[in-house]
Amino acid sequence: MKTPIQKRYPPELAEKLEEIKIEIIERMENPDFDFMEVEEVFQEFGVEPDYIFEVLNEII
């Protein structure tokens, strides 16, 4: 079953956004997590942070 991200975006971008979502979830498990790290994750994956709210909406 496709996630909302996979339904809205082209496959290549959707795949990267899903990977970003997983990475953010893993980092959130760390008690020292700072939401400023979210933008860093996007940079690490080479994706513009324009999609931050799309990803966060799926996490929350």
PDB file of N, CA and C in Angstrom:
ATOM      1  N   MET A   1       0.842  -1.178   0.000  1.00  0.00           N
ATOM      2  CA  MET A   1       0.000   0.000   0.000  1.00  0.00           C
ATOM      3  C   MET A   1       0.897   1.254   0.000  1.00  0.00           C
ATOM      4  N   LYS A   2       0.538   2.200  -0.792  1.00  0.00           N
ATOM      5  CA  LYS A   2       1.330   3.423  -0.891  1.00  0.00           C
ATOM      6  C   LYS A   2       0.996   4.376   0.253  1.00  0.00           C
ATOM      7  N   THR A   3       2.049   5.049   0.708  1.00  0.00           N
ATOM      8  CA  THR A   3       1.856   6.083   1.727  1.00  0.00           C
ATOM      9  C   THR A   3       1.384   7.348   1.011  1.00  0.00           C
ATOM     10  N   PRO A   4       0.854   8.320   1.753  1.00  0.00           N
ATOM     11  CA  PRO A   4       0.439   9.579   1.113  1.00  0.00           C
ATOM     12  C   PRO A   4       1.567  10.250   0.328  1.00  0.00           C
ATOM     13  N   ILE A   5       2.786  10.173   0.845  1.00  0.00           N
ATOM     14  CA  ILE A   5       3.917  10.759   0.114  1.00  0.00           C
ATOM     15  C   ILE A   5       4.093  10.063  -1.230  1.00  0.00           C
ATOM     16  N   GLN A   6       4.014   8.750  -1.231  1.00  0.00           N
ATOM     17  CA  GLN A   6       4.192   7.990  -2.473  1.00  0.00           C
ATOM     18  C   GLN A   6       3.084   8.270  -3.480  1.00  0.00           C
ATOM     19  N   LYS A   7       1.920   8.634  -2.995  1.00  0.00           N
ATOM     20  CA  LYS A   7       0.806   8.939  -3.894  1.00  0.00           C
ATOM     21  C   LYS A   7       0.942  10.319  -4.529  1.00  0.00           C
ATOM     22  N   ARG A   8       1.587  11.249  -3.828  1.00  0.00           N
ATOM     23  CA  ARG A   8       1.640  12.638  -4.293  1.00  0.00           C
ATOM     24  C   ARG A   8       2.861  13.008  -5.122  1.00  0.00           C
ATOM     25  N   TYR A   9       3.948  12.264  -4.953  1.00  0.00           N
ATOM     26  CA  TYR A   9       5.197  12.688  -5.582  1.00  0.00           C
ATOM     27  C   TYR A   9       5.744  11.628  -6.531  1.00  0.00           C
ATOM     28  N   PRO A  10       6.580  12.065  -7.466  1.00  0.00           N
ATOM     29  CA  PRO A  10       7.201  11.103  -8.390  1.00  0.00           C
ATOM     30  C   PRO A  10       7.998  10.060  -7.603  1.00  0.00           C
ATOM     31  N   PRO A  11       8.136   8.866  -8.131  1.00  0.00           N
ATOM     32  CA  PRO A  11       8.768   7.762  -7.390  1.00  0.00           C
ATOM     33  C   PRO A  11      10.140   8.083  -6.793  1.00  0.00           C
ATOM     34  N   GLU A  12      11.010   8.727  -7.538  1.00  0.00           N
ATOM     35  CA  GLU A  12      12.361   9.006  -7.036  1.00  0.00           C
ATOM     36  C   GLU A  12      12.323   9.934  -5.818  1.00  0.00           C
ATOM     37  N   LEU A  13      11.534  11.000  -5.906  1.00  0.00           N
ATOM     38  CA  LEU A  13      11.406  11.933  -4.788  1.00  0.00           C
ATOM     39  C   LEU A  13      10.695  11.267  -3.615  1.00  0.00           C
ATOM     40  N   ALA A  14       9.651  10.518  -3.904  1.00  0.00           N
ATOM     41  CA  ALA A  14       8.894   9.840  -2.842  1.00  0.00           C
ATOM     42  C   ALA A  14       9.800   8.878  -2.077  1.00  0.00           C
ATOM     43  N   GLU A  15      10.665   8.180  -2.783  1.00  0.00           N
ATOM     44  CA  GLU A  15      11.582   7.247  -2.131  1.00  0.00           C
ATOM     45  C   GLU A  15      12.529   7.987  -1.177  1.00  0.00           C
ATOM     46  N   LYS A  16      13.070   9.097  -1.634  1.00  0.00           N
ATOM     47  CA  LYS A  16      13.961   9.886  -0.774  1.00  0.00           C
ATOM     48  C   LYS A  16      13.210  10.435   0.432  1.00  0.00           C
ATOM     49  N   LEU A  17      11.988  10.903   0.228  1.00  0.00           N
ATOM     50  CA  LEU A  17      11.200  11.441   1.343  1.00  0.00           C
ATOM     51  C   LEU A  17      10.875  10.351   2.361  1.00  0.00           C
ATOM     52  N   GLU A  18      10.616   9.145   1.886  1.00  0.00           N
ATOM     53  CA  GLU A  18      10.362   8.023   2.800  1.00  0.00           C
ATOM     54  C   GLU A  18      11.623   7.699   3.593  1.00  0.00           C
ATOM     55  N   GLU A  19      12.787   7.733   2.950  1.00  0.00           N
ATOM     56  CA  GLU A  19      14.050   7.485   3.647  1.00  0.00           C
ATOM     57  C   GLU A  19      14.306   8.574   4.694  1.00  0.00           C
ATOM     58  N   ILE A  20      14.002   9.800   4.329  1.00  0.00           N
ATOM     59  CA  ILE A  20      14.149  10.923   5.266  1.00  0.00           C
ATOM     60  C   ILE A  20      13.233  10.715   6.463  1.00  0.00           C
ATOM     61  N   LYS A  21      12.008  10.314   6.198  1.00  0.00           N
ATOM     62  CA  LYS A  21      11.037  10.077   7.280  1.00  0.00           C
ATOM     63  C   LYS A  21      11.573   9.020   8.248  1.00  0.00           C
ATOM     64  N   ILE A  22      12.119   7.943   7.730  1.00  0.00           N
ATOM     65  CA  ILE A  22      12.661   6.874   8.569  1.00  0.00           C
ATOM     66  C   ILE A  22      13.838   7.392   9.400  1.00  0.00           C
ATOM     67  N   GLU A  23      14.713   8.159   8.762  1.00  0.00           N
ATOM     68  CA  GLU A  23      15.875   8.719   9.459  1.00  0.00           C
ATOM     69  C   GLU A  23      15.434   9.659  10.585  1.00  0.00           C
ATOM     70  N   ILE A  24      14.451  10.486  10.329  1.00  0.00           N
ATOM     71  CA  ILE A  24      13.959  11.418  11.354  1.00  0.00           C
ATOM     72  C   ILE A  24      13.347  10.641  12.518  1.00  0.00           C
ATOM     73  N   ILE A  25      12.566   9.619  12.218  1.00  0.00           N
ATOM     74  CA  ILE A  25      11.953   8.803  13.276  1.00  0.00           C
ATOM     75  C   ILE A  25      13.041   8.173  14.141  1.00  0.00           C
ATOM     76  N   GLU A  26      14.085   7.649  13.504  1.00  0.00           N
ATOM     77  CA  GLU A  26      15.185   7.047  14.262  1.00  0.00           C
ATOM     78  C   GLU A  26      15.874   8.080  15.142  1.00  0.00           C
ATOM     79  N   ARG A  27      16.103   9.260  14.610  1.00  0.00           N
ATOM     80  CA  ARG A  27      16.759  10.309  15.399  1.00  0.00           C
ATOM     81  C   ARG A  27      15.875  10.791  16.540  1.00  0.00           C
ATOM     82  N   MET A  28      14.567  10.775  16.339  1.00  0.00           N
ATOM     83  CA  MET A  28      13.642  11.237  17.380  1.00  0.00           C
ATOM     84  C   MET A  28      13.681  10.325  18.603  1.00  0.00           C
ATOM     85  N   GLU A  29      14.127   9.102  18.417  1.00  0.00           N
ATOM     86  CA  GLU A  29      14.227   8.169  19.539  1.00  0.00           C
ATOM     87  C   GLU A  29      15.348   8.564  20.495  1.00  0.00           C
ATOM     88  N   ASN A  30      16.273   9.377  20.028  1.00  0.00           N
ATOM     89  CA  ASN A  30      17.373   9.856  20.853  1.00  0.00           C
ATOM     90  C   ASN A  30      16.854  10.976  21.765  1.00  0.00           C
ATOM     91  N   PRO A  31      17.072  10.867  23.070  1.00  0.00           N
ATOM     92  CA  PRO A  31      16.579  11.900  23.988  1.00  0.00           C
ATOM     93  C   PRO A  31      17.158  13.293  23.710  1.00  0.00           C
ATOM     94  N   ASP A  32      18.293  13.349  23.058  1.00  0.00           N
ATOM     95  CA  ASP A  32      18.926  14.637  22.759  1.00  0.00           C
ATOM     96  C   ASP A  32      18.477  15.218  21.418  1.00  0.00           C
ATOM     97  N   PHE A  33      17.467  14.613  20.816  1.00  0.00           N
ATOM     98  CA  PHE A  33      16.996  15.060  19.494  1.00  0.00           C
ATOM     99  C   PHE A  33      16.562  16.522  19.539  1.00  0.00           C
ATOM    100  N   ASP A  34      16.966  17.249  18.522  1.00  0.00           N
ATOM    101  CA  ASP A  34      16.595  18.653  18.373  1.00  0.00           C
ATOM    102  C   ASP A  34      15.928  18.785  16.996  1.00  0.00           C
ATOM    103  N   PHE A  35      14.782  19.414  16.942  1.00  0.00           N
ATOM    104  CA  PHE A  35      14.074  19.517  15.661  1.00  0.00           C
ATOM    105  C   PHE A  35      14.864  20.272  14.595  1.00  0.00           C
ATOM    106  N   MET A  36      15.905  20.965  14.994  1.00  0.00           N
ATOM    107  CA  MET A  36      16.762  21.626  14.001  1.00  0.00           C
ATOM    108  C   MET A  36      17.491  20.589  13.150  1.00  0.00           C
ATOM    109  N   GLU A  37      17.576  19.353  13.653  1.00  0.00           N
ATOM    110  CA  GLU A  37      18.214  18.271  12.902  1.00  0.00           C
ATOM    111  C   GLU A  37      17.417  17.889  11.666  1.00  0.00           C
ATOM    112  N   VAL A  38      16.134  18.190  11.658  1.00  0.00           N
ATOM    113  CA  VAL A  38      15.286  17.805  10.534  1.00  0.00           C
ATOM    114  C   VAL A  38      15.822  18.406   9.236  1.00  0.00           C
ATOM    115  N   GLU A  39      16.158  19.669   9.259  1.00  0.00           N
ATOM    116  CA  GLU A  39      16.695  20.312   8.055  1.00  0.00           C
ATOM    117  C   GLU A  39      18.023  19.665   7.649  1.00  0.00           C
ATOM    118  N   GLU A  40      18.828  19.286   8.626  1.00  0.00           N
ATOM    119  CA  GLU A  40      20.096  18.626   8.341  1.00  0.00           C
ATOM    120  C   GLU A  40      19.877  17.307   7.608  1.00  0.00           C
ATOM    121  N   VAL A  41      18.852  16.570   8.009  1.00  0.00           N
ATOM    122  CA  VAL A  41      18.550  15.296   7.355  1.00  0.00           C
ATOM    123  C   VAL A  41      18.221  15.535   5.882  1.00  0.00           C
ATOM    124  N   PHE A  42      17.434  16.546   5.609  1.00  0.00           N
ATOM    125  CA  PHE A  42      17.109  16.860   4.218  1.00  0.00           C
ATOM    126  C   PHE A  42      18.379  17.174   3.432  1.00  0.00           C
ATOM    127  N   GLN A  43      19.282  17.934   4.037  1.00  0.00           N
ATOM    128  CA  GLN A  43      20.532  18.279   3.370  1.00  0.00           C
ATOM    129  C   GLN A  43      21.369  17.033   3.116  1.00  0.00           C
ATOM    130  N   GLU A  44      21.405  16.122   4.080  1.00  0.00           N
ATOM    131  CA  GLU A  44      22.171  14.887   3.919  1.00  0.00           C
ATOM    132  C   GLU A  44      21.659  14.062   2.742  1.00  0.00           C
ATOM    133  N   PHE A  45      20.353  14.100   2.503  1.00  0.00           N
ATOM    134  CA  PHE A  45      19.762  13.341   1.411  1.00  0.00           C
ATOM    135  C   PHE A  45      19.703  14.138   0.107  1.00  0.00           C
ATOM    136  N   GLY A  46      20.163  15.377   0.151  1.00  0.00           N
ATOM    137  CA  GLY A  46      20.177  16.204  -1.052  1.00  0.00           C
ATOM    138  C   GLY A  46      18.800  16.625  -1.527  1.00  0.00           C
ATOM    139  N   VAL A  47      17.882  16.799  -0.591  1.00  0.00           N
ATOM    140  CA  VAL A  47      16.504  17.190  -0.919  1.00  0.00           C
ATOM    141  C   VAL A  47      16.253  18.571  -0.318  1.00  0.00           C
ATOM    142  N   GLU A  48      15.629  19.436  -1.108  1.00  0.00           N
ATOM    143  CA  GLU A  48      15.275  20.768  -0.614  1.00  0.00           C
ATOM    144  C   GLU A  48      14.331  20.630   0.578  1.00  0.00           C
ATOM    145  N   PRO A  49      14.482  21.470   1.587  1.00  0.00           N
ATOM    146  CA  PRO A  49      13.624  21.369   2.767  1.00  0.00           C
ATOM    147  C   PRO A  49      12.183  21.837   2.536  1.00  0.00           C
ATOM    148  N   ASP A  50      11.806  22.065   1.298  1.00  0.00           N
ATOM    149  CA  ASP A  50      10.431  22.468   0.983  1.00  0.00           C
ATOM    150  C   ASP A  50       9.408  21.418   1.425  1.00  0.00           C
ATOM    151  N   TYR A  51       9.869  20.195   1.614  1.00  0.00           N
ATOM    152  CA  TYR A  51       8.964  19.088   1.912  1.00  0.00           C
ATOM    153  C   TYR A  51       8.940  18.731   3.399  1.00  0.00           C
ATOM    154  N   ILE A  52       9.537  19.565   4.233  1.00  0.00           N
ATOM    155  CA  ILE A  52       9.625  19.265   5.668  1.00  0.00           C
ATOM    156  C   ILE A  52       8.247  18.983   6.262  1.00  0.00           C
ATOM    157  N   PHE A  53       7.278  19.838   5.990  1.00  0.00           N
ATOM    158  CA  PHE A  53       5.969  19.663   6.612  1.00  0.00           C
ATOM    159  C   PHE A  53       5.249  18.421   6.095  1.00  0.00           C
ATOM    160  N   GLU A  54       5.466  18.072   4.833  1.00  0.00           N
ATOM    161  CA  GLU A  54       4.874  16.839   4.302  1.00  0.00           C
ATOM    162  C   GLU A  54       5.368  15.630   5.096  1.00  0.00           C
ATOM    163  N   VAL A  55       6.677  15.587   5.326  1.00  0.00           N
ATOM    164  CA  VAL A  55       7.271  14.461   6.049  1.00  0.00           C
ATOM    165  C   VAL A  55       6.833  14.476   7.513  1.00  0.00           C
ATOM    166  N   LEU A  56       6.913  15.633   8.156  1.00  0.00           N
ATOM    167  CA  LEU A  56       6.527  15.709   9.565  1.00  0.00           C
ATOM    168  C   LEU A  56       5.057  15.355   9.779  1.00  0.00           C
ATOM    169  N   ASN A  57       4.193  15.721   8.846  1.00  0.00           N
ATOM    170  CA  ASN A  57       2.768  15.385   8.965  1.00  0.00           C
ATOM    171  C   ASN A  57       2.557  13.884   8.958  1.00  0.00           C
ATOM    172  N   GLU A  58       3.395  13.150   8.258  1.00  0.00           N
ATOM    173  CA  GLU A  58       3.244  11.696   8.242  1.00  0.00           C
ATOM    174  C   GLU A  58       3.791  11.064   9.509  1.00  0.00           C
ATOM    175  N   ILE A  59       4.736  11.737  10.146  1.00  0.00           N
ATOM    176  CA  ILE A  59       5.329  11.194  11.368  1.00  0.00           C
ATOM    177  C   ILE A  59       4.396  11.416  12.549  1.00  0.00           C
ATOM    178  N   ILE A  60       3.807  12.583  12.601  1.00  0.00           N
ATOM    179  CA  ILE A  60       2.991  12.962  13.768  1.00  0.00           C
ATOM    180  C   ILE A  60       1.605  12.379  13.681  1.00  0.00           C
TER     181      ILE A  60
END
